[in-house]
Amino acid sequence: MFRRREPVPFAFLQEADRFRSNVTPPPRPRPSRNEWAGRALIGVTVVAGLVGSLLFGLPALSAHQSPADIQHSEASTR
């Protein structure tokens, strides 16, 4: 692969790989009990929704349908 010979239009992009900061970021604040409970409740809700959609969707995806289970309308028999 050929490397580009023209200069980079933004010098800070070229130097970004070499730059290392000696300033450490402040520590992340710990979530409170309410935040933790809210996140857990959202997670449980999402998982319950996925499981529910899977349970309701499996009968529609099953290929094991006998001819007696199929409903016919009166218009199709005439």
Protein backbone atom coordinates (compact mmCIF):
# COMPACT_ATOMS: atom_id res chain seq x y z
CA MET A 1 0.00 0.00 0.00
CA PHE A 2 1.30 3.43 -0.88
CA ARG A 3 1.81 6.01 1.82
CA ARG A 4 0.59 9.54 1.31
CA ARG A 5 3.43 11.96 0.70
CA GLU A 6 1.47 15.21 1.12
CA PRO A 7 1.47 16.83 4.55
CA VAL A 8 -1.40 16.27 6.93
CA PRO A 9 -3.68 19.33 6.93
CA PHE A 10 -4.03 19.26 10.70
CA ALA A 11 -0.73 18.96 12.51
CA PHE A 12 -2.31 17.80 15.76
CA LEU A 13 -3.61 14.67 14.02
CA GLN A 14 -0.14 13.73 12.98
CA GLU A 15 1.24 14.27 16.47
CA ALA A 16 -1.64 12.56 18.27
CA ASP A 17 0.10 9.17 18.32
CA ARG A 18 3.18 10.58 20.02
CA PHE A 19 1.40 12.74 22.59
CA ARG A 20 1.20 11.38 26.13
CA SER A 21 -0.30 13.41 28.91
CA ASN A 22 1.12 13.41 32.39
CA VAL A 23 -2.19 14.62 33.84
CA THR A 24 -4.38 11.85 35.20
CA PRO A 25 -8.14 12.31 34.84
CA PRO A 26 -10.20 12.55 38.01
CA PRO A 27 -11.65 9.27 39.27
CA ARG A 28 -15.11 8.37 38.06
CA PRO A 29 -17.79 8.89 40.68
CA ARG A 30 -19.33 5.70 42.00
CA PRO A 31 -23.01 5.27 41.12
CA SER A 32 -25.42 5.66 43.99
CA ARG A 33 -27.79 2.89 45.06
CA ASN A 34 -30.65 4.54 43.19
CA GLU A 35 -28.63 4.74 39.97
CA TRP A 36 -27.52 1.14 40.35
CA ALA A 37 -31.10 -0.03 40.99
CA GLY A 38 -32.36 1.97 38.00
CA ARG A 39 -29.77 0.44 35.70
CA ALA A 40 -30.58 -3.04 36.99
CA LEU A 41 -34.31 -2.44 36.47
CA ILE A 42 -33.72 -1.27 32.90
CA GLY A 43 -31.56 -4.34 32.23
CA VAL A 44 -34.17 -6.70 33.63
CA THR A 45 -36.87 -4.99 31.57
CA VAL A 46 -34.87 -5.33 28.35
CA VAL A 47 -34.08 -8.99 29.01
CA ALA A 48 -37.72 -9.72 29.90
CA GLY A 49 -38.84 -8.05 26.66
CA LEU A 50 -36.45 -10.15 24.60
CA VAL A 51 -37.49 -13.36 26.32
CA GLY A 52 -41.17 -12.49 25.94
CA SER A 53 -40.81 -11.73 22.25
CA LEU A 54 -38.97 -15.00 21.78
CA LEU A 55 -41.69 -16.95 23.58
CA PHE A 56 -44.47 -15.29 21.58
CA GLY A 57 -42.56 -15.59 18.30
CA LEU A 58 -41.57 -19.26 18.48
CA PRO A 59 -45.03 -20.65 17.65
CA ALA A 60 -45.17 -18.49 14.53
CA LEU A 61 -41.77 -19.75 13.41
CA SER A 62 -42.47 -23.44 13.96
CA ALA A 63 -42.73 -25.47 10.76
CA HIS A 64 -44.54 -28.41 12.40
CA GLN A 65 -48.11 -27.58 11.43
CA SER A 66 -50.45 -30.40 10.56
CA PRO A 67 -53.10 -29.83 7.87
CA ALA A 68 -55.84 -30.04 10.53
CA ASP A 69 -54.42 -26.94 12.24
CA ILE A 70 -54.65 -24.81 9.09
CA GLN A 71 -57.86 -22.79 8.86
CA HIS A 72 -59.63 -22.44 5.54
CA SER A 73 -62.18 -19.82 4.67
CA GLU A 74 -65.47 -20.57 2.97
CA ALA A 75 -64.50 -18.39 0.01
CA SER A 76 -61.57 -20.67 -0.85
CA THR A 77 -63.80 -23.78 -1.07
CA ARG A 78 -66.24 -22.33 -3.60
